[in-house]
């Protein structure tokens, strides 16, 4: 059998972190008209592959970053610094 004394001492000892009337949902108002600033390789992609202008070969998009490391470059560095060769490779690939 419980006593009043025990019931009184079992009240919550911790102060609530949030007030009960405080809403926890945060609404983020992001404008959809703002373009993303993240760089992507999508403009260079043909049939899920990317061109390597240094060895004149096409590699799967998923493995291109690994391939670029063999040339000691990033994907972005390779694709942005060899525009003329890449444009020719893309044009040739799309014409076949």
Protein backbone atom coordinates (compact mmCIF):
# COMPACT_ATOMS: atom_id res chain seq x y z
CA UNK A 1 0.00 0.00 0.00
CA UNK A 2 1.28 3.46 -0.95
CA UNK A 3 1.31 6.45 1.31
CA UNK A 4 0.74 10.11 0.49
CA UNK A 5 4.38 10.76 1.28
CA UNK A 6 5.54 8.42 -1.49
CA UNK A 7 3.08 9.90 -3.98
CA UNK A 8 4.37 13.41 -3.26
CA UNK A 9 8.04 12.43 -3.69
CA UNK A 10 7.48 10.69 -7.05
CA UNK A 11 6.59 13.90 -8.89
CA UNK A 12 8.77 14.79 -11.87
CA UNK A 13 12.20 16.00 -10.75
CA UNK A 14 13.23 17.38 -14.15
CA UNK A 15 12.00 20.71 -15.48
CA UNK A 16 10.50 20.32 -18.99
CA UNK A 17 12.91 21.43 -21.72
CA UNK A 18 10.16 23.05 -23.79
CA UNK A 19 7.10 24.91 -22.66
CA UNK A 20 3.91 23.10 -23.57
CA UNK A 21 2.53 26.07 -25.51
CA UNK A 22 5.67 26.29 -27.69
CA UNK A 23 5.34 24.87 -31.19
CA UNK A 24 8.24 22.65 -32.26
CA UNK A 25 7.56 22.75 -35.99
CA UNK A 26 9.79 25.14 -37.86
CA UNK A 27 8.57 26.27 -41.26
CA UNK A 28 11.31 27.06 -43.73
CA UNK A 29 10.21 29.54 -46.36
CA UNK A 30 12.48 28.67 -49.29
CA UNK A 31 11.79 30.37 -52.55
CA UNK A 32 11.59 27.87 -55.40
CA UNK A 33 12.82 30.47 -57.88
CA UNK A 34 16.31 30.45 -56.33
CA UNK A 35 18.60 28.19 -58.36
CA UNK A 36 20.85 25.77 -56.57
CA UNK A 37 24.48 26.82 -56.31
CA UNK A 38 25.74 23.26 -56.16
CA UNK A 39 27.82 22.16 -59.15
CA UNK A 40 26.65 19.09 -61.06
CA UNK A 41 28.02 17.17 -64.03
CA UNK A 42 24.59 16.86 -65.67
CA UNK A 43 25.37 19.15 -68.66
CA UNK A 44 28.23 16.81 -69.65
CA UNK A 45 26.27 13.58 -69.28
CA UNK A 46 25.30 11.39 -72.24
CA UNK A 47 23.59 8.03 -71.63
CA UNK A 48 24.62 8.11 -67.96
CA UNK A 49 28.31 8.48 -68.88
CA UNK A 50 30.81 11.34 -68.74
CA UNK A 51 33.62 12.07 -71.19
CA UNK A 52 37.25 12.11 -70.12
CA UNK A 53 39.05 14.50 -72.47
CA UNK A 54 42.45 13.42 -71.17
CA UNK A 55 42.17 9.84 -72.41
CA UNK A 56 39.33 10.35 -74.93
CA UNK A 57 37.12 7.70 -73.28
CA UNK A 58 33.66 7.64 -71.71
CA UNK A 59 33.15 6.44 -68.13
CA UNK A 60 30.03 5.77 -66.10
CA UNK A 61 28.86 8.77 -64.14
CA UNK A 62 29.02 6.73 -60.93
CA UNK A 63 32.73 5.92 -61.39
CA UNK A 64 33.95 9.11 -63.02
CA UNK A 65 35.20 10.68 -59.81
CA UNK A 66 37.37 7.63 -59.18
CA UNK A 67 38.69 7.82 -62.75
CA UNK A 68 39.44 11.56 -62.39
CA UNK A 69 41.64 10.81 -59.38
CA UNK A 70 43.93 8.77 -61.67
CA UNK A 71 44.65 12.05 -63.47
CA UNK A 72 45.05 13.85 -60.09
CA UNK A 73 42.01 16.04 -60.79
CA UNK A 74 38.45 16.33 -59.56
CA UNK A 75 35.50 15.66 -61.84
CA UNK A 76 34.76 19.35 -61.98
CA UNK A 77 38.35 20.31 -62.82
CA UNK A 78 38.49 17.87 -65.75
CA UNK A 79 35.10 18.77 -67.17
CA UNK A 80 35.43 22.54 -66.84
CA UNK A 81 39.00 22.91 -68.06
CA UNK A 82 38.67 21.01 -71.35
CA UNK A 83 35.45 22.45 -72.79
CA UNK A 84 36.39 22.31 -76.47
CA UNK A 85 37.42 18.64 -76.44
CA UNK A 86 34.42 17.70 -74.31
CA UNK A 87 31.99 19.50 -76.61
CA UNK A 88 33.44 17.57 -79.57
CA UNK A 89 33.14 14.26 -77.69
CA UNK A 90 29.52 15.00 -76.72
CA UNK A 91 28.63 16.06 -80.26
CA UNK A 92 30.22 12.91 -81.70
CA UNK A 93 28.50 10.67 -79.14
CA UNK A 94 25.06 12.19 -79.74
CA UNK A 95 25.40 11.92 -83.53
CA UNK A 96 25.93 8.13 -83.38
